[in-house]
Amino acid sequence: MNRSSGYDRHITIFSPEGKLYQVEYAFKAIKAGKMTSLAVRGSDCCVMVAEKKVPDKLIDPGTVTHMFKITPTIGVTITGLIADGRTFLQRAQYEAAEFRYKYGFPIPIDHLAKRLADINQVYTQHAWMRPLGISLTLIGIDDEKGPLLYKVNPAGNYAGWKACCSGPKDQEGHNHLEKKLRDEPELDTSQTIQLALDSLQSILSTDFKPNEIEVGIVTADNPKFRLLTDEEVDNHLTELAERD
């Protein structure tokens, strides 16, 4: 009989190998969502790019998204189970509003990332909860630190990143981004957007149309989070194709 059998039924019990199987299954649920996203931090901006998959032809594409505002200046990409993500998005917005009400200024993105990671960690401690099958990628502009990019996972870990990838192709994405950023280039806004688009196309081995991807951005000049229009995305894809 397998020594570890049975331990995957309990979220609060370690296996003899020191693993919490339900937490590991949450990471697998992120990849089961079959949507890959990545984010890149430039010298004066942060950019997120994600696949936009409409599961049925009868669904209005305008209602399908994985990118949301937590505050006017902090954006998030939810990779994994979107139903879990929408619930956690409401919690993130509540935490940000509570901080603003209590202290009188907007919540810093690093503080929000830490708070969301703490909440995720609590989900791994109680038998009447389950870890959420989502990975959160947050971007924002800090008044003192400049552009910031954070990633939060179901285990309750978080960290600041120069670039990161989530979803089924996360390992390929990290390998690709490591090569691109090995020399630590100074990237302006346009270069950061095109690097993100080029990286996603490379790791998925496909050429996207503007309506097949989402691009979210914050810049030092305009710290409010916004999604690029299809026309703006098309312009960057055209520039990318001409450059190649």
Protein backbone atom coordinates (compact mmCIF):
# COMPACT_ATOMS: atom_id res chain seq x y z
CA MET A 1 0.00 0.00 0.00
CA ASN A 2 1.24 3.47 -0.86
CA ARG A 3 2.68 5.11 2.24
CA SER A 4 1.12 8.46 1.29
CA SER A 5 -2.38 7.18 0.50
CA GLY A 6 -5.07 8.91 2.50
CA TYR A 7 -3.05 12.02 3.31
CA ASP A 8 -4.44 13.80 0.26
CA ARG A 9 -7.90 13.76 1.84
CA HIS A 10 -6.94 16.06 4.69
CA ILE A 11 -5.81 19.61 4.16
CA THR A 12 -4.35 20.01 7.66
CA ILE A 13 -2.32 16.78 7.90
CA PHE A 14 1.22 16.47 6.57
CA SER A 15 2.21 13.31 4.73
CA PRO A 16 5.29 11.39 5.91
CA GLU A 17 7.23 13.22 3.17
CA GLY A 18 6.25 16.57 4.67
CA LYS A 19 3.73 17.51 1.98
CA LEU A 20 0.25 18.98 2.08
CA TYR A 21 -1.29 17.31 -0.93
CA GLN A 22 -4.40 19.49 -1.12
CA VAL A 23 -2.18 22.57 -1.45
CA GLU A 24 -0.22 20.88 -4.22
CA TYR A 25 -3.49 20.03 -5.96
CA ALA A 26 -4.40 23.74 -5.84
CA PHE A 27 -1.28 24.47 -7.89
CA LYS A 28 -2.38 21.84 -10.39
CA ALA A 29 -5.82 23.47 -10.58
CA ILE A 30 -4.13 26.68 -11.75
CA LYS A 31 -2.64 24.82 -14.69
CA ALA A 32 -5.92 23.02 -15.35
CA GLY A 33 -7.46 26.40 -16.19
CA LYS A 34 -5.55 26.23 -19.50
CA MET A 35 -4.90 29.97 -19.52
CA THR A 36 -1.36 31.31 -19.49
CA SER A 37 -0.50 34.83 -18.35
CA LEU A 38 2.71 36.73 -17.78
CA ALA A 39 3.86 40.10 -16.54
CA VAL A 40 6.97 42.22 -17.06
CA ARG A 41 8.30 45.17 -15.06
CA GLY A 42 9.87 47.93 -17.12
CA SER A 43 11.86 50.96 -16.01
CA ASP A 44 8.75 53.15 -15.82
CA CYS A 45 5.82 50.72 -16.15
CA CYS A 46 4.43 47.25 -15.50
CA VAL A 47 2.62 45.21 -18.14
CA MET A 48 0.46 42.09 -17.86
CA VAL A 49 -0.56 39.92 -20.81
CA ALA A 50 -3.03 37.02 -20.73
CA GLU A 51 -4.81 34.76 -23.13
CA LYS A 52 -8.47 35.59 -23.66
CA LYS A 53 -10.40 32.39 -24.28
CA VAL A 54 -14.14 32.56 -24.87
CA PRO A 55 -15.45 29.05 -24.04
CA ASP A 56 -18.61 29.28 -26.16
CA LYS A 57 -19.50 31.16 -29.33
CA LEU A 58 -22.75 32.35 -27.76
CA ILE A 59 -20.95 34.10 -24.88
CA ASP A 60 -20.45 37.85 -25.19
CA PRO A 61 -16.62 38.29 -25.40
CA GLY A 62 -16.91 41.64 -23.60
CA THR A 63 -17.92 39.82 -20.40
CA VAL A 64 -14.92 37.46 -20.42
CA THR A 65 -11.80 38.73 -18.66
CA HIS A 66 -9.07 37.65 -16.25
CA MET A 67 -7.84 41.18 -15.50
CA PHE A 68 -9.46 43.39 -12.86
CA LYS A 69 -8.96 46.55 -10.85
CA ILE A 70 -8.47 46.16 -7.11
CA THR A 71 -8.01 49.91 -6.68
CA PRO A 72 -7.78 52.55 -9.43
CA THR A 73 -3.98 52.13 -9.40
CA ILE A 74 -3.57 48.39 -8.70
CA GLY A 75 -4.47 45.79 -11.30
CA VAL A 76 -4.56 42.01 -11.01
CA THR A 77 -4.53 39.06 -13.36
CA ILE A 78 -6.26 35.94 -12.03
CA THR A 79 -4.90 32.69 -13.45
CA GLY A 80 -6.67 29.42 -12.66
CA LEU A 81 -10.26 28.88 -11.53
CA ILE A 82 -11.98 32.17 -12.34
CA ALA A 83 -14.92 31.47 -9.99
CA ASP A 84 -12.46 31.22 -7.08
CA GLY A 85 -10.75 34.32 -8.41
CA ARG A 86 -13.84 36.53 -8.47
CA THR A 87 -14.59 35.69 -4.85
CA PHE A 88 -11.02 36.48 -3.81
CA LEU A 89 -11.10 39.67 -5.90
CA GLN A 90 -13.97 40.94 -3.74
CA ARG A 91 -11.90 40.17 -0.63
CA ALA A 92 -8.93 42.04 -2.09
CA GLN A 93 -11.11 45.07 -2.88
CA TYR A 94 -12.53 44.95 0.65
CA GLU A 95 -9.02 44.87 2.17
CA ALA A 96 -7.96 47.83 0.04
CA ALA A 97 -11.08 49.84 0.95
CA GLU A 98 -10.68 49.00 4.65
CA PHE A 99 -7.05 50.19 4.58
CA ARG A 100 -8.05 53.44 2.86
CA TYR A 101 -10.81 54.06 5.41
CA LYS A 102 -8.57 53.29 8.38
CA TYR A 103 -5.39 55.12 7.37
CA GLY A 104 -6.60 57.78 4.91
CA PHE A 105 -4.37 56.86 1.95
CA PRO A 106 -4.40 54.11 -0.72
CA ILE A 107 -3.01 50.72 0.22
CA PRO A 108 0.59 50.15 -1.03
CA ILE A 109 0.79 47.26 -3.46
CA ASP A 110 3.42 45.40 -1.40
CA HIS A 111 1.22 45.61 1.70
CA LEU A 112 -1.78 44.33 -0.27
CA ALA A 113 0.24 41.42 -1.68
CA LYS A 114 1.37 40.46 1.82
CA ARG A 115 -2.19 40.68 3.16
CA LEU A 116 -3.60 38.48 0.38
CA ALA A 117 -0.80 35.95 0.89
CA ASP A 118 -1.59 35.85 4.62
CA ILE A 119 -5.26 35.13 3.85
CA ASN A 120 -4.26 32.37 1.42
CA GLN A 121 -2.05 30.82 4.08
CA VAL A 122 -4.98 30.66 6.53
CA TYR A 123 -6.88 28.63 3.90
CA THR A 124 -4.25 25.89 4.30
CA GLN A 125 -4.77 25.56 8.08
CA HIS A 126 -8.46 24.72 8.51
CA ALA A 127 -10.23 21.51 7.58
CA TRP A 128 -13.42 23.41 6.74
CA MET A 129 -11.65 25.51 4.10
CA ARG A 130 -9.85 24.61 0.90
CA PRO A 131 -7.02 26.42 -0.89
CA LEU A 132 -8.14 28.54 -3.81
CA GLY A 133 -6.99 27.30 -7.21
CA ILE A 134 -5.71 30.68 -8.37
CA SER A 135 -2.48 32.57 -8.84
CA LEU A 136 -2.63 36.37 -8.51
CA THR A 137 -0.32 38.73 -10.40
CA LEU A 138 -0.51 42.31 -9.12
CA ILE A 139 0.99 45.44 -10.71
CA GLY A 140 1.11 49.04 -9.54
CA ILE A 141 3.26 52.17 -9.27
CA ASP A 142 4.68 53.00 -5.84
CA ASP A 143 5.47 56.65 -5.06
CA GLU A 144 8.88 55.73 -3.64
CA LYS A 145 9.82 52.42 -5.29
CA GLY A 146 8.38 52.98 -8.77
CA PRO A 147 6.84 50.12 -10.79
CA LEU A 148 6.17 46.98 -8.72
CA LEU A 149 5.10 43.48 -9.72
CA TYR A 150 3.99 40.87 -7.18
CA LYS A 151 2.80 37.29 -7.45
CA VAL A 152 0.72 35.47 -4.80
CA ASN A 153 0.17 31.70 -4.82
CA PRO A 154 -2.29 29.34 -3.04
CA ALA A 155 0.25 28.30 -0.41
CA GLY A 156 0.46 31.86 0.90
CA ASN A 157 3.83 32.73 -0.62
CA TYR A 158 4.39 36.09 -2.29
CA ALA A 159 7.35 37.91 -3.78
CA GLY A 160 8.27 40.84 -5.95
CA TRP A 161 9.28 39.88 -9.49
CA LYS A 162 11.05 41.46 -12.46
CA ALA A 163 8.92 39.22 -14.69
CA CYS A 164 6.78 36.16 -14.03
CA CYS A 165 4.48 33.67 -15.70
CA SER A 166 1.48 31.64 -14.48
CA GLY A 167 -0.55 28.82 -15.95
CA PRO A 168 0.18 25.61 -17.88
CA LYS A 169 3.30 27.06 -19.53
CA ASP A 170 4.73 28.80 -16.48
CA GLN A 171 8.08 26.98 -16.52
CA GLU A 172 8.62 27.64 -20.24
CA GLY A 173 7.64 31.26 -19.62
CA HIS A 174 10.13 31.72 -16.79
CA ASN A 175 12.92 30.18 -18.88
CA HIS A 176 12.13 32.48 -21.80
CA LEU A 177 11.91 35.60 -19.63
CA GLU A 178 15.17 34.76 -17.85
CA LYS A 179 16.98 34.75 -21.21
CA LYS A 180 15.35 37.99 -22.32
CA LEU A 181 16.14 39.81 -19.06
CA ARG A 182 19.56 38.29 -18.38
CA ASP A 183 21.36 41.56 -19.13
CA GLU A 184 18.79 43.58 -17.15
CA PRO A 185 17.85 45.93 -20.04
CA GLU A 186 16.24 49.31 -19.41
CA LEU A 187 12.80 48.92 -21.01
CA ASP A 188 10.50 51.84 -21.80
CA THR A 189 6.73 51.38 -21.99
CA SER A 190 6.57 50.35 -25.65
CA GLN A 191 9.48 47.92 -25.29
CA THR A 192 7.94 46.36 -22.17
CA ILE A 193 4.60 45.80 -23.91
CA GLN A 194 6.27 44.26 -26.95
CA LEU A 195 8.51 42.04 -24.80
CA ALA A 196 5.44 40.75 -22.95
CA LEU A 197 3.53 40.10 -26.19
CA ASP A 198 6.52 38.48 -27.88
CA SER A 199 7.17 36.26 -24.86
CA LEU A 200 3.59 35.00 -24.67
CA GLN A 201 3.53 34.28 -28.40
CA SER A 202 6.87 32.47 -28.16
CA ILE A 203 6.00 30.18 -25.24
CA LEU A 204 2.61 29.30 -26.75
CA SER A 205 4.00 29.06 -30.31
CA THR A 206 1.18 31.08 -31.82
CA ASP A 207 0.50 34.48 -33.36
CA PHE A 208 -2.32 36.26 -31.58
CA LYS A 209 -5.05 38.46 -32.92
CA PRO A 210 -5.90 41.56 -30.82
CA ASN A 211 -9.18 40.03 -29.58
CA GLU A 212 -7.41 36.87 -28.36
CA ILE A 213 -5.32 38.52 -25.65
CA GLU A 214 -5.66 41.07 -22.86
CA VAL A 215 -3.00 43.63 -22.01
CA GLY A 216 -3.10 45.55 -18.71
CA ILE A 217 -0.71 48.37 -17.92
CA VAL A 218 0.31 50.97 -15.33
CA THR A 219 2.92 53.64 -16.05
CA ALA A 220 4.73 56.30 -14.06
CA ASP A 221 3.07 58.99 -16.19
CA ASN A 222 -0.38 57.44 -15.75
CA PRO A 223 -0.43 55.21 -12.64
CA LYS A 224 -4.09 54.28 -13.12
CA PHE A 225 -4.53 50.67 -14.20
CA ARG A 226 -6.13 50.20 -17.59
CA LEU A 227 -6.55 47.65 -20.36
CA LEU A 228 -5.24 48.44 -23.82
CA THR A 229 -7.85 48.64 -26.57
CA ASP A 230 -7.84 46.14 -29.44
CA GLU A 231 -6.53 48.92 -31.70
CA GLU A 232 -3.58 49.64 -29.37
CA VAL A 233 -2.79 45.92 -29.08
CA ASP A 234 -2.97 45.57 -32.88
CA ASN A 235 -0.49 48.42 -33.30
CA HIS A 236 2.01 46.73 -30.99
CA LEU A 237 1.53 43.35 -32.68
CA THR A 238 2.12 44.98 -36.07
CA GLU A 239 5.31 46.65 -34.83
CA LEU A 240 6.43 43.31 -33.43
CA ALA A 241 5.79 41.53 -36.72
CA GLU A 242 7.61 44.23 -38.72
CA ARG A 243 10.58 44.09 -36.35
CA ASP A 244 10.89 40.33 -36.78
